[in-house]
Amino acid sequence: MKKSILFIVIALFFSLLDMNAQLPSVTLKDINGKTIKTDTLSNDGRPIIIDFFATWCKPCNRELTAISEVYDDWQAETGVKLIAVSIDVAQNINKVRPLVEQHNWPYEVLLDPNSDFKRALGIQMIPYVLVIDGEGNIVYKHNGYTDGDEEELIEKVRELISK
């Protein structure tokens, strides 16, 4: 019993240490070919949502589409910026722009064809969402998508701006 409690306490301690971690430095390209360093992503002191997706991932596409329907309202209310990070491999990277255009997603889109950024963050599965505060700290993580998860996401952003 004592070992179980100790294990739980240690696991909680390390999960708390992991929160407020900074973004790792990985060099990616955006959908237009511009080079971006991930540790320099910013939004003028306002929150950022980073959403990892792939063209073949149905839950990812549902999540990004659901958010796009309320994104203008979110931006007006909180100033949040969403950055979508495609983990499509190099052979499929040419499918990303048509998907973004088809869904009319208003997001900045980065390409992570070797999953360097995903791996640096320890992400195993997608969709995976991070919320970054105005100082660049990772303050929230969420794996998977169920209809309505976007409401929890905006609540986390609202909590940040109310501080």
N, C-alpha and C. Protein backbone atom coordinates (compact mmCIF):
# COMPACT_ATOMS: atom_id res chain seq x y z
N MET A 1 0.83 -1.20 0.00
CA MET A 1 0.00 0.00 0.00
C MET A 1 0.87 1.26 0.00
N LYS A 2 1.91 1.27 0.85
CA LYS A 2 2.79 2.43 0.92
C LYS A 2 3.49 2.66 -0.41
N LYS A 3 3.88 1.56 -1.07
CA LYS A 3 4.55 1.70 -2.37
C LYS A 3 3.61 2.30 -3.40
N SER A 4 2.34 1.92 -3.36
CA SER A 4 1.36 2.47 -4.30
C SER A 4 1.18 3.96 -4.10
N ILE A 5 1.07 4.37 -2.84
CA ILE A 5 0.89 5.79 -2.54
C ILE A 5 2.13 6.57 -2.95
N LEU A 6 3.30 6.04 -2.67
CA LEU A 6 4.55 6.69 -3.05
C LEU A 6 4.63 6.84 -4.57
N PHE A 7 4.26 5.79 -5.29
CA PHE A 7 4.27 5.84 -6.75
C PHE A 7 3.34 6.94 -7.27
N ILE A 8 2.14 7.02 -6.70
CA ILE A 8 1.17 8.03 -7.12
C ILE A 8 1.70 9.43 -6.84
N VAL A 9 2.29 9.64 -5.68
CA VAL A 9 2.84 10.94 -5.32
C VAL A 9 3.97 11.32 -6.28
N ILE A 10 4.84 10.38 -6.59
CA ILE A 10 5.95 10.65 -7.51
C ILE A 10 5.41 10.96 -8.91
N ALA A 11 4.43 10.20 -9.37
CA ALA A 11 3.84 10.43 -10.69
C ALA A 11 3.20 11.82 -10.76
N LEU A 12 2.48 12.21 -9.72
CA LEU A 12 1.86 13.54 -9.69
C LEU A 12 2.91 14.63 -9.69
N PHE A 13 3.98 14.44 -8.93
CA PHE A 13 5.06 15.41 -8.87
C PHE A 13 5.65 15.64 -10.25
N PHE A 14 5.95 14.55 -10.97
CA PHE A 14 6.55 14.70 -12.29
C PHE A 14 5.57 15.25 -13.31
N SER A 15 4.28 14.94 -13.16
CA SER A 15 3.31 15.53 -14.09
C SER A 15 3.18 17.03 -13.85
N LEU A 16 3.31 17.46 -12.59
CA LEU A 16 3.27 18.89 -12.30
C LEU A 16 4.51 19.59 -12.82
N LEU A 17 5.65 18.92 -12.73
CA LEU A 17 6.88 19.50 -13.27
C LEU A 17 6.75 19.69 -14.78
N ASP A 18 6.10 18.74 -15.43
CA ASP A 18 5.95 18.78 -16.87
C ASP A 18 5.10 19.97 -17.31
N MET A 19 4.07 20.32 -16.51
CA MET A 19 3.27 21.48 -16.83
C MET A 19 4.16 22.71 -16.61
N ASN A 20 3.88 23.74 -17.30
CA ASN A 20 4.69 24.96 -17.29
C ASN A 20 6.05 24.76 -17.95
N ALA A 21 6.22 23.66 -18.67
CA ALA A 21 7.43 23.47 -19.45
C ALA A 21 7.35 24.39 -20.66
N GLN A 22 8.49 24.77 -21.16
CA GLN A 22 8.55 25.61 -22.36
C GLN A 22 8.52 24.72 -23.60
N LEU A 23 8.20 25.32 -24.73
CA LEU A 23 8.22 24.58 -25.98
C LEU A 23 9.66 24.25 -26.36
N PRO A 24 9.90 23.05 -26.87
CA PRO A 24 11.25 22.70 -27.32
C PRO A 24 11.59 23.46 -28.61
N SER A 25 12.85 23.55 -28.90
CA SER A 25 13.31 24.25 -30.11
C SER A 25 13.44 23.25 -31.25
N VAL A 26 12.52 23.31 -32.19
CA VAL A 26 12.52 22.46 -33.37
C VAL A 26 12.29 23.37 -34.57
N THR A 27 12.99 23.13 -35.65
CA THR A 27 12.82 23.92 -36.86
C THR A 27 11.83 23.22 -37.79
N LEU A 28 10.74 23.92 -38.12
CA LEU A 28 9.72 23.40 -39.02
C LEU A 28 9.51 24.40 -40.15
N LYS A 29 8.69 24.03 -41.11
CA LYS A 29 8.28 24.96 -42.16
C LYS A 29 6.78 25.15 -42.03
N ASP A 30 6.32 26.36 -42.40
CA ASP A 30 4.88 26.55 -42.43
C ASP A 30 4.37 26.08 -43.78
N ILE A 31 3.08 26.17 -43.98
CA ILE A 31 2.45 25.64 -45.20
C ILE A 31 2.92 26.38 -46.46
N ASN A 32 3.50 27.58 -46.27
CA ASN A 32 4.02 28.35 -47.40
C ASN A 32 5.52 28.20 -47.60
N GLY A 33 6.16 27.34 -46.79
CA GLY A 33 7.58 27.08 -46.95
C GLY A 33 8.49 27.93 -46.08
N LYS A 34 7.93 28.82 -45.26
CA LYS A 34 8.74 29.67 -44.39
C LYS A 34 9.23 28.86 -43.19
N THR A 35 10.50 29.03 -42.82
CA THR A 35 11.09 28.33 -41.69
C THR A 35 10.66 28.98 -40.38
N ILE A 36 10.24 28.14 -39.44
CA ILE A 36 9.75 28.59 -38.13
C ILE A 36 10.48 27.80 -37.04
N LYS A 37 10.95 28.49 -36.00
CA LYS A 37 11.52 27.82 -34.82
C LYS A 37 10.40 27.73 -33.77
N THR A 38 10.12 26.54 -33.31
CA THR A 38 8.97 26.35 -32.42
C THR A 38 9.12 27.04 -31.07
N ASP A 39 10.33 27.25 -30.61
CA ASP A 39 10.50 27.91 -29.31
C ASP A 39 10.32 29.42 -29.41
N THR A 40 10.07 29.93 -30.62
CA THR A 40 9.82 31.36 -30.79
C THR A 40 8.36 31.66 -31.12
N LEU A 41 7.51 30.64 -31.09
CA LEU A 41 6.09 30.86 -31.35
C LEU A 41 5.53 31.79 -30.29
N SER A 42 4.81 32.82 -30.72
CA SER A 42 4.26 33.76 -29.75
C SER A 42 2.98 34.38 -30.29
N ASN A 43 2.28 35.05 -29.39
CA ASN A 43 1.02 35.69 -29.75
C ASN A 43 0.86 36.99 -28.96
N ASP A 44 1.92 37.78 -28.92
CA ASP A 44 1.90 39.07 -28.22
C ASP A 44 1.38 38.96 -26.79
N GLY A 45 1.83 37.93 -26.07
CA GLY A 45 1.45 37.77 -24.67
C GLY A 45 0.10 37.13 -24.44
N ARG A 46 -0.56 36.72 -25.52
CA ARG A 46 -1.85 36.05 -25.39
C ARG A 46 -1.68 34.55 -25.61
N PRO A 47 -2.67 33.74 -25.23
CA PRO A 47 -2.55 32.28 -25.34
C PRO A 47 -2.46 31.78 -26.78
N ILE A 48 -1.85 30.62 -26.90
CA ILE A 48 -1.74 29.91 -28.18
C ILE A 48 -2.26 28.49 -27.95
N ILE A 49 -3.02 28.00 -28.90
CA ILE A 49 -3.41 26.59 -28.93
C ILE A 49 -2.60 25.93 -30.03
N ILE A 50 -1.93 24.84 -29.71
CA ILE A 50 -1.21 24.07 -30.72
C ILE A 50 -1.94 22.74 -30.86
N ASP A 51 -2.39 22.45 -32.07
CA ASP A 51 -3.20 21.26 -32.33
C ASP A 51 -2.47 20.37 -33.34
N PHE A 52 -2.04 19.19 -32.90
CA PHE A 52 -1.36 18.24 -33.78
C PHE A 52 -2.41 17.41 -34.52
N PHE A 53 -2.24 17.30 -35.84
CA PHE A 53 -3.21 16.57 -36.66
C PHE A 53 -2.50 15.91 -37.84
N ALA A 54 -3.27 15.11 -38.58
CA ALA A 54 -2.81 14.54 -39.85
C ALA A 54 -4.01 14.50 -40.79
N THR A 55 -3.75 14.54 -42.08
CA THR A 55 -4.84 14.56 -43.06
C THR A 55 -5.70 13.31 -42.96
N TRP A 56 -5.11 12.18 -42.59
CA TRP A 56 -5.81 10.90 -42.53
C TRP A 56 -6.55 10.68 -41.21
N CYS A 57 -6.39 11.59 -40.24
CA CYS A 57 -6.95 11.42 -38.90
C CYS A 57 -8.34 12.06 -38.83
N LYS A 58 -9.38 11.23 -38.84
CA LYS A 58 -10.76 11.74 -38.83
C LYS A 58 -11.08 12.55 -37.57
N PRO A 59 -10.73 12.08 -36.35
CA PRO A 59 -11.01 12.90 -35.17
C PRO A 59 -10.28 14.25 -35.20
N CYS A 60 -9.07 14.26 -35.74
CA CYS A 60 -8.31 15.52 -35.86
C CYS A 60 -9.06 16.50 -36.74
N ASN A 61 -9.54 16.02 -37.88
CA ASN A 61 -10.24 16.88 -38.82
C ASN A 61 -11.55 17.37 -38.23
N ARG A 62 -12.26 16.52 -37.50
CA ARG A 62 -13.50 16.95 -36.84
C ARG A 62 -13.21 18.04 -35.81
N GLU A 63 -12.13 17.86 -35.04
CA GLU A 63 -11.77 18.84 -34.02
C GLU A 63 -11.43 20.19 -34.65
N LEU A 64 -10.58 20.19 -35.65
CA LEU A 64 -10.18 21.46 -36.28
C LEU A 64 -11.36 22.13 -36.98
N THR A 65 -12.27 21.35 -37.53
CA THR A 65 -13.47 21.91 -38.17
C THR A 65 -14.40 22.50 -37.11
N ALA A 66 -14.60 21.78 -36.00
CA ALA A 66 -15.47 22.29 -34.92
C ALA A 66 -14.91 23.60 -34.37
N ILE A 67 -13.61 23.67 -34.18
CA ILE A 67 -13.00 24.90 -33.66
C ILE A 67 -13.13 26.03 -34.67
N SER A 68 -12.98 25.71 -35.96
CA SER A 68 -13.06 26.76 -36.98
C SER A 68 -14.42 27.46 -36.98
N GLU A 69 -15.46 26.73 -36.56
CA GLU A 69 -16.81 27.32 -36.53
C GLU A 69 -16.96 28.38 -35.43
N VAL A 70 -16.12 28.32 -34.40
CA VAL A 70 -16.21 29.29 -33.29
C VAL A 70 -14.93 30.11 -33.13
N TYR A 71 -13.98 29.89 -34.01
CA TYR A 71 -12.66 30.50 -33.86
C TYR A 71 -12.70 32.03 -33.88
N ASP A 72 -13.50 32.62 -34.75
CA ASP A 72 -13.60 34.09 -34.78
C ASP A 72 -14.08 34.62 -33.44
N ASP A 73 -15.07 33.95 -32.86
CA ASP A 73 -15.57 34.37 -31.54
C ASP A 73 -14.50 34.21 -30.47
N TRP A 74 -13.78 33.10 -30.52
CA TRP A 74 -12.70 32.87 -29.54
C TRP A 74 -11.64 33.96 -29.64
N GLN A 75 -11.27 34.30 -30.87
CA GLN A 75 -10.24 35.33 -31.05
C GLN A 75 -10.74 36.68 -30.56
N ALA A 76 -11.98 37.01 -30.87
CA ALA A 76 -12.54 38.30 -30.43
C ALA A 76 -12.58 38.39 -28.90
N GLU A 77 -12.92 37.27 -28.27
CA GLU A 77 -13.05 37.25 -26.81
C GLU A 77 -11.71 37.17 -26.09
N THR A 78 -10.79 36.34 -26.60
CA THR A 78 -9.58 36.03 -25.84
C THR A 78 -8.27 36.41 -26.53
N GLY A 79 -8.32 36.64 -27.84
CA GLY A 79 -7.09 36.90 -28.60
C GLY A 79 -6.28 35.65 -28.88
N VAL A 80 -6.82 34.48 -28.57
CA VAL A 80 -6.09 33.23 -28.76
C VAL A 80 -5.75 33.02 -30.23
N LYS A 81 -4.62 32.36 -30.47
CA LYS A 81 -4.22 31.99 -31.82
C LYS A 81 -4.07 30.47 -31.84
N LEU A 82 -4.58 29.83 -32.89
CA LEU A 82 -4.41 28.39 -33.03
C LEU A 82 -3.39 28.11 -34.11
N ILE A 83 -2.46 27.24 -33.78
CA ILE A 83 -1.46 26.78 -34.74
C ILE A 83 -1.69 25.29 -34.91
N ALA A 84 -2.00 24.88 -36.14
CA ALA A 84 -2.22 23.47 -36.45
C ALA A 84 -0.90 22.90 -36.97
N VAL A 85 -0.48 21.77 -36.39
CA VAL A 85 0.78 21.15 -36.78
C VAL A 85 0.48 19.80 -37.43
N SER A 86 0.75 19.70 -38.72
CA SER A 86 0.53 18.45 -39.45
C SER A 86 1.72 17.52 -39.24
N ILE A 87 1.42 16.27 -38.90
CA ILE A 87 2.49 15.27 -38.78
C ILE A 87 2.50 14.34 -39.98
N ASP A 88 1.84 14.75 -41.06
CA ASP A 88 1.86 13.94 -42.27
C ASP A 88 3.30 13.75 -42.73
N VAL A 89 3.63 12.53 -43.15
CA VAL A 89 4.99 12.25 -43.63
C VAL A 89 5.23 12.97 -44.95
N ALA A 90 6.49 13.06 -45.34
CA ALA A 90 6.89 13.83 -46.51
C ALA A 90 6.12 13.42 -47.77
N GLN A 91 5.84 12.12 -47.94
CA GLN A 91 5.13 11.65 -49.13
C GLN A 91 3.70 12.19 -49.18
N ASN A 92 3.11 12.53 -48.02
CA ASN A 92 1.73 13.01 -47.98
C ASN A 92 1.60 14.50 -47.71
N ILE A 93 2.71 15.20 -47.59
CA ILE A 93 2.69 16.61 -47.21
C ILE A 93 1.90 17.44 -48.23
N ASN A 94 1.87 16.98 -49.48
CA ASN A 94 1.14 17.72 -50.52
C ASN A 94 -0.38 17.63 -50.33
N LYS A 95 -0.86 16.83 -49.40
CA LYS A 95 -2.30 16.72 -49.12
C LYS A 95 -2.76 17.73 -48.07
N VAL A 96 -1.80 18.35 -47.37
CA VAL A 96 -2.15 19.23 -46.25
C VAL A 96 -2.84 20.51 -46.75
N ARG A 97 -2.23 21.22 -47.67
CA ARG A 97 -2.82 22.48 -48.15
C ARG A 97 -4.22 22.27 -48.72
N PRO A 98 -4.46 21.27 -49.58
CA PRO A 98 -5.83 21.08 -50.08
C PRO A 98 -6.84 20.81 -48.95
N LEU A 99 -6.44 20.06 -47.93
CA LEU A 99 -7.35 19.81 -46.81
C LEU A 99 -7.67 21.10 -46.06
N VAL A 100 -6.65 21.89 -45.79
CA VAL A 100 -6.83 23.16 -45.09
C VAL A 100 -7.74 24.08 -45.90
N GLU A 101 -7.50 24.15 -47.20
CA GLU A 101 -8.31 25.01 -48.06
C GLU A 101 -9.74 24.48 -48.19
N GLN A 102 -9.90 23.17 -48.30
CA GLN A 102 -11.23 22.56 -48.42
C GLN A 102 -12.11 22.90 -47.21
N HIS A 103 -11.49 22.86 -46.02
CA HIS A 103 -12.24 23.13 -44.78
C HIS A 103 -12.22 24.61 -44.41
N ASN A 104 -11.45 25.39 -45.17
CA ASN A 104 -11.37 26.83 -44.92
C ASN A 104 -10.88 27.13 -43.50
N TRP A 105 -9.90 26.34 -43.05
CA TRP A 105 -9.36 26.53 -41.72
C TRP A 105 -8.52 27.81 -41.68
N PRO A 106 -8.79 28.71 -40.74
CA PRO A 106 -8.10 29.99 -40.70
C PRO A 106 -6.80 29.97 -39.89
N TYR A 107 -6.26 28.81 -39.65
CA TYR A 107 -5.13 28.67 -38.75
C TYR A 107 -3.79 28.81 -39.45
N GLU A 108 -2.78 29.15 -38.66
CA GLU A 108 -1.40 29.02 -39.13
C GLU A 108 -1.12 27.52 -39.12
N VAL A 109 -0.54 26.99 -40.19
CA VAL A 109 -0.30 25.56 -40.30
C VAL A 109 1.19 25.31 -40.45
N LEU A 110 1.72 24.48 -39.56
CA LEU A 110 3.12 24.08 -39.61
C LEU A 110 3.21 22.62 -40.03
N LEU A 111 4.33 22.27 -40.65
CA LEU A 111 4.53 20.91 -41.14
C LEU A 111 5.65 20.24 -40.34
N ASP A 112 5.34 19.07 -39.80
CA ASP A 112 6.29 18.30 -38.99
C ASP A 112 6.42 16.89 -39.59
N PRO A 113 6.94 16.80 -40.84
CA PRO A 113 6.93 15.52 -41.56
C PRO A 113 7.76 14.41 -40.91
N ASN A 114 8.73 14.76 -40.11
CA ASN A 114 9.55 13.75 -39.42
C ASN A 114 9.12 13.55 -37.97
N SER A 115 8.04 14.24 -37.57
CA SER A 115 7.51 14.18 -36.20
C SER A 115 8.53 14.62 -35.16
N ASP A 116 9.46 15.50 -35.54
CA ASP A 116 10.48 15.98 -34.60
C ASP A 116 9.85 16.77 -33.45
N PHE A 117 8.94 17.67 -33.77
CA PHE A 117 8.27 18.49 -32.74
C PHE A 117 7.39 17.61 -31.86
N LYS A 118 6.63 16.75 -32.51
CA LYS A 118 5.75 15.81 -31.80
C LYS A 118 6.57 14.97 -30.83
N ARG A 119 7.67 14.41 -31.30
CA ARG A 119 8.53 13.55 -30.48
C ARG A 119 9.19 14.34 -29.35
N ALA A 120 9.62 15.57 -29.63
CA ALA A 120 10.26 16.41 -28.61
C ALA A 120 9.31 16.72 -27.45
N LEU A 121 8.01 16.72 -27.74
CA LEU A 121 7.01 16.97 -26.71
C LEU A 121 6.51 15.69 -26.06
N GLY A 122 6.98 14.53 -26.53
CA GLY A 122 6.57 13.26 -25.96
C GLY A 122 5.16 12.85 -26.34
N ILE A 123 4.67 13.36 -27.45
CA ILE A 123 3.31 13.05 -27.89
C ILE A 123 3.31 11.70 -28.58
N GLN A 124 2.37 10.84 -28.16
CA GLN A 124 2.27 9.50 -28.74
C GLN A 124 1.17 9.40 -29.79
N MET A 125 0.02 10.02 -29.50
CA MET A 125 -1.14 9.86 -30.38
C MET A 125 -1.74 11.22 -30.71
N ILE A 126 -2.45 11.27 -31.82
CA ILE A 126 -3.16 12.48 -32.22
C ILE A 126 -4.64 12.16 -32.33
N PRO A 127 -5.53 13.15 -32.26
CA PRO A 127 -5.22 14.57 -32.07
C PRO A 127 -4.68 14.84 -30.67
N TYR A 128 -3.82 15.84 -30.59
CA TYR A 128 -3.21 16.24 -29.34
C TYR A 128 -3.16 17.76 -29.31
N VAL A 129 -3.65 18.34 -28.22
CA VAL A 129 -3.74 19.79 -28.12
C VAL A 129 -2.96 20.28 -26.92
N LEU A 130 -2.24 21.37 -27.13
CA LEU A 130 -1.54 22.07 -26.05
C LEU A 130 -2.08 23.48 -25.96
N VAL A 131 -2.16 24.01 -24.75
CA VAL A 131 -2.45 25.43 -24.57
C VAL A 131 -1.19 26.04 -23.97
N ILE A 132 -0.74 27.11 -24.60
CA ILE A 132 0.47 27.81 -24.19
C ILE A 132 0.05 29.17 -23.65
N ASP A 133 0.58 29.54 -22.48
CA ASP A 133 0.22 30.85 -21.93
C ASP A 133 1.03 31.96 -22.60
N GLY A 134 0.80 33.18 -22.21
CA GLY A 134 1.45 34.33 -22.82
C GLY A 134 2.95 34.39 -22.63
N GLU A 135 3.47 33.60 -21.67
CA GLU A 135 4.92 33.55 -21.44
C GLU A 135 5.58 32.35 -22.12
N GLY A 136 4.79 31.57 -22.86
CA GLY A 136 5.35 30.43 -23.57
C GLY A 136 5.36 29.13 -22.78
N ASN A 137 4.65 29.08 -21.65
CA ASN A 137 4.59 27.86 -20.84
C ASN A 137 3.45 26.97 -21.30
N ILE A 138 3.70 25.69 -21.33
CA ILE A 138 2.65 24.72 -21.62
C ILE A 138 1.81 24.57 -20.35
N VAL A 139 0.54 24.94 -20.42
CA VAL A 139 -0.30 24.93 -19.22
C VAL A 139 -1.44 23.92 -19.30
N TYR A 140 -1.65 23.31 -20.47
CA TYR A 140 -2.73 22.34 -20.60
C TYR A 140 -2.41 21.41 -21.76
N LYS A 141 -2.75 20.13 -21.58
CA LYS A 141 -2.56 19.13 -22.62
C LYS A 141 -3.82 18.28 -22.70
N HIS A 142 -4.17 17.90 -23.92
CA HIS A 142 -5.35 17.04 -24.10
C HIS A 142 -5.12 16.11 -25.28
N ASN A 143 -5.40 14.84 -25.08
CA ASN A 143 -5.23 13.83 -26.12
C ASN A 143 -6.60 13.32 -26.56
N GLY A 144 -6.78 13.15 -27.86
CA GLY A 144 -8.03 12.61 -28.39
C GLY A 144 -9.04 13.72 -28.64
N TYR A 145 -10.16 13.32 -29.26
CA TYR A 145 -11.22 14.28 -29.49
C TYR A 145 -12.57 13.59 -29.46
N THR A 146 -13.46 14.18 -28.69
CA THR A 146 -14.87 13.81 -28.66
C THR A 146 -15.63 15.10 -28.91
N ASP A 147 -16.73 15.01 -29.65
CA ASP A 147 -17.52 16.20 -29.91
C ASP A 147 -17.77 16.97 -28.62
N GLY A 148 -17.49 18.26 -28.64
CA GLY A 148 -17.69 19.10 -27.46
C GLY A 148 -16.41 19.38 -26.69
N ASP A 149 -15.32 18.65 -26.98
CA ASP A 149 -14.04 18.89 -26.28
C ASP A 149 -13.56 20.32 -26.46
N GLU A 150 -13.97 20.96 -27.55
CA GLU A 150 -13.52 22.33 -27.79
C GLU A 150 -14.03 23.28 -26.72
N GLU A 151 -15.14 22.94 -26.05
CA GLU A 151 -15.65 23.79 -24.97
C GLU A 151 -14.70 23.78 -23.77
N GLU A 152 -14.14 22.62 -23.46
CA GLU A 152 -13.16 22.53 -22.37
C GLU A 152 -11.91 23.32 -22.75
N LEU A 153 -11.55 23.26 -24.01
CA LEU A 153 -10.38 23.97 -24.49
C LEU A 153 -10.52 25.49 -24.33
N ILE A 154 -11.64 26.04 -24.74
CA ILE A 154 -11.82 27.49 -24.61
C ILE A 154 -11.92 27.88 -23.14
N GLU A 155 -12.44 27.01 -22.30
CA GLU A 155 -12.50 27.31 -20.86
C GLU A 155 -11.09 27.45 -20.29
N LYS A 156 -10.17 26.60 -20.73
CA LYS A 156 -8.78 26.70 -20.27
C LYS A 156 -8.17 28.03 -20.72
N VAL A 157 -8.49 28.45 -21.94
CA VAL A 157 -7.98 29.73 -22.45
C VAL A 157 -8.58 30.88 -21.65
N ARG A 158 -9.87 30.81 -21.36
CA ARG A 158 -10.53 31.87 -20.56
C ARG A 158 -9.91 31.97 -19.17
N GLU A 159 -9.59 30.83 -18.56
CA GLU A 159 -8.94 30.84 -17.26
C GLU A 159 -7.61 31.59 -17.32
N LEU A 160 -6.88 31.36 -18.41
CA LEU A 160 -5.57 32.04 -18.57
C LEU A 160 -5.72 33.55 -18.66
N ILE A 161 -6.67 34.01 -19.44
CA ILE A 161 -6.77 35.46 -19.64
C ILE A 161 -7.41 36.15 -18.45
N SER A 162 -8.10 35.38 -17.60
CA SER A 162 -8.73 36.00 -16.43
C SER A 162 -7.75 36.18 -15.28
N LYS A 163 -6.56 35.59 -15.41
CA LYS A 163 -5.55 35.69 -14.33
C LYS A 163 -4.87 37.04 -14.35
